[in-house]
């Protein structure tokens, strides 16, 4: 009888650990991605992901993308508004120092355009 109680207690503890981990992972997945322009930092929830230099082209690009989410932005529009020279969209995305798995989910390059795909963009400032 005592062994059964120990097994049940162990199962309850394992269950609680799994539920806690699931809730933590779920919260992390639903965190908002945003750019704090005053701090020049990209955040996922409360976690800073990327700090940018004030007038760098990466900062200007990310500002533009956060202002134009979920829309195919033609390469020429980026040249006219940010770069003033020919650009390679793949290289632009590669130069943004976000984790690769995140870049793969956030950026779509097709038909000479760049889309910033984020359903969870939040502008706190």
Protein backbone atom coordinates (compact mmCIF):
# COMPACT_ATOMS: atom_id res chain seq x y z
CA UNK A 1 0.00 0.00 0.00
CA UNK A 2 2.83 2.39 0.83
CA UNK A 3 4.52 1.66 -2.54
CA UNK A 4 1.30 2.53 -4.35
CA UNK A 5 1.11 5.87 -2.54
CA UNK A 6 4.72 6.66 -3.53
CA UNK A 7 4.00 5.79 -7.18
CA UNK A 8 0.86 7.95 -7.20
CA UNK A 9 2.73 10.85 -5.58
CA UNK A 10 5.53 10.54 -8.18
CA UNK A 11 2.97 10.52 -11.01
CA UNK A 12 1.31 13.64 -9.62
CA UNK A 13 4.66 15.44 -9.37
CA UNK A 14 5.59 14.47 -12.94
CA UNK A 15 2.16 15.61 -14.15
CA UNK A 16 2.57 18.99 -12.41
CA UNK A 17 6.03 19.45 -13.91
CA UNK A 18 4.71 18.68 -17.40
CA UNK A 19 1.73 21.04 -17.02
CA UNK A 20 4.00 23.83 -15.74
CA UNK A 21 6.39 23.34 -18.66
CA UNK A 22 3.49 23.32 -21.15
CA UNK A 23 2.09 26.57 -19.77
CA UNK A 24 5.54 28.19 -19.81
CA UNK A 25 6.20 27.10 -23.41
CA UNK A 26 2.74 28.26 -24.50
CA UNK A 27 3.25 31.68 -22.91
CA UNK A 28 6.62 31.98 -24.65
CA UNK A 29 5.07 31.13 -28.04
CA UNK A 30 2.38 33.79 -27.63
CA UNK A 31 4.73 36.57 -26.56
CA UNK A 32 4.56 39.73 -28.61
CA UNK A 33 7.39 40.71 -30.88
CA UNK A 34 7.95 44.45 -30.92
CA UNK A 35 10.47 47.16 -31.61
CA UNK A 36 11.08 49.75 -28.90
CA UNK A 37 12.30 52.71 -30.95
CA UNK A 38 13.52 54.72 -27.95
CA UNK A 39 15.75 51.86 -26.83
CA UNK A 40 16.39 50.67 -30.41
CA UNK A 41 15.75 47.11 -29.26
CA UNK A 42 13.61 44.27 -30.62
CA UNK A 43 11.82 42.37 -27.84
CA UNK A 44 9.98 39.08 -27.65
CA UNK A 45 7.72 39.60 -24.67
CA UNK A 46 10.02 41.09 -22.02
CA UNK A 47 13.16 39.48 -23.43
CA UNK A 48 15.46 41.70 -25.54
CA UNK A 49 16.43 39.88 -28.74
CA UNK A 50 18.38 42.44 -30.70
CA UNK A 51 19.90 45.83 -29.93
CA UNK A 52 20.44 48.13 -32.89
CA UNK A 53 22.61 51.16 -33.56
CA UNK A 54 20.70 54.42 -33.92
CA UNK A 55 20.79 55.16 -37.62
CA UNK A 56 22.03 51.81 -38.92
CA UNK A 57 20.43 50.40 -42.02
CA UNK A 58 19.23 47.38 -40.00
CA UNK A 59 17.44 49.75 -37.61
CA UNK A 60 15.87 51.67 -40.49
CA UNK A 61 14.82 48.42 -42.18
CA UNK A 62 13.25 46.99 -39.03
CA UNK A 63 11.41 50.25 -38.32
CA UNK A 64 10.01 50.14 -41.85
CA UNK A 65 9.04 46.48 -41.56
CA UNK A 66 7.33 46.96 -38.19
CA UNK A 67 5.37 49.85 -39.71
CA UNK A 68 4.38 47.66 -42.70
CA UNK A 69 3.71 44.17 -41.33
CA UNK A 70 2.18 41.33 -43.31
CA UNK A 71 2.55 43.09 -46.64
CA UNK A 72 4.76 42.30 -49.60
CA UNK A 73 7.13 45.24 -49.83
CA UNK A 74 8.69 45.50 -53.29
CA UNK A 75 12.47 45.66 -53.45
CA UNK A 76 12.25 49.02 -55.23
CA UNK A 77 10.25 50.48 -52.33
CA UNK A 78 13.04 49.51 -49.91
CA UNK A 79 15.62 51.06 -52.25
CA UNK A 80 13.61 54.28 -52.54
CA UNK A 81 12.90 54.64 -48.81
CA UNK A 82 15.99 53.22 -47.09
CA UNK A 83 18.96 52.05 -49.13
CA UNK A 84 19.32 54.37 -52.14
CA UNK A 85 21.28 51.60 -53.93
CA UNK A 86 20.70 48.12 -55.28
CA UNK A 87 20.09 45.47 -52.63
CA UNK A 88 19.80 41.72 -52.26
CA UNK A 89 16.81 40.77 -50.14
CA UNK A 90 18.35 37.49 -48.95
CA UNK A 91 21.42 39.36 -47.73
CA UNK A 92 19.30 41.97 -45.92
CA UNK A 93 17.51 39.27 -43.96
CA UNK A 94 20.71 37.34 -43.31
CA UNK A 95 22.32 40.48 -41.85
CA UNK A 96 19.59 40.90 -39.22
CA UNK A 97 20.95 39.24 -36.11
CA UNK A 98 17.80 37.43 -35.02
CA UNK A 99 17.87 33.67 -34.41
CA UNK A 100 17.70 31.73 -37.69
CA UNK A 101 14.52 29.84 -36.79
CA UNK A 102 12.84 33.16 -36.02
CA UNK A 103 14.02 34.71 -39.31
CA UNK A 104 12.62 31.72 -41.19
CA UNK A 105 9.19 32.36 -39.64
CA UNK A 106 9.19 36.16 -39.84
CA UNK A 107 10.49 36.89 -43.32
CA UNK A 108 9.19 35.77 -46.69
CA UNK A 109 11.06 36.64 -49.88
CA UNK A 110 9.28 36.07 -53.17
CA UNK A 111 8.73 37.86 -56.48
CA UNK A 112 11.38 40.48 -55.66
CA UNK A 113 9.55 41.53 -52.49
CA UNK A 114 10.02 41.13 -48.76
CA UNK A 115 7.20 40.39 -46.31
CA UNK A 116 7.48 40.69 -42.54
CA UNK A 117 5.09 38.03 -41.28
CA UNK A 118 4.15 38.63 -37.69
CA UNK A 119 0.63 38.33 -36.37
CA UNK A 120 1.82 39.29 -32.88
CA UNK A 121 3.32 42.71 -33.50
CA UNK A 122 2.69 45.16 -30.69
CA UNK A 123 3.67 48.83 -30.56
CA UNK A 124 3.90 49.85 -26.90
CA UNK A 125 5.35 53.32 -27.57
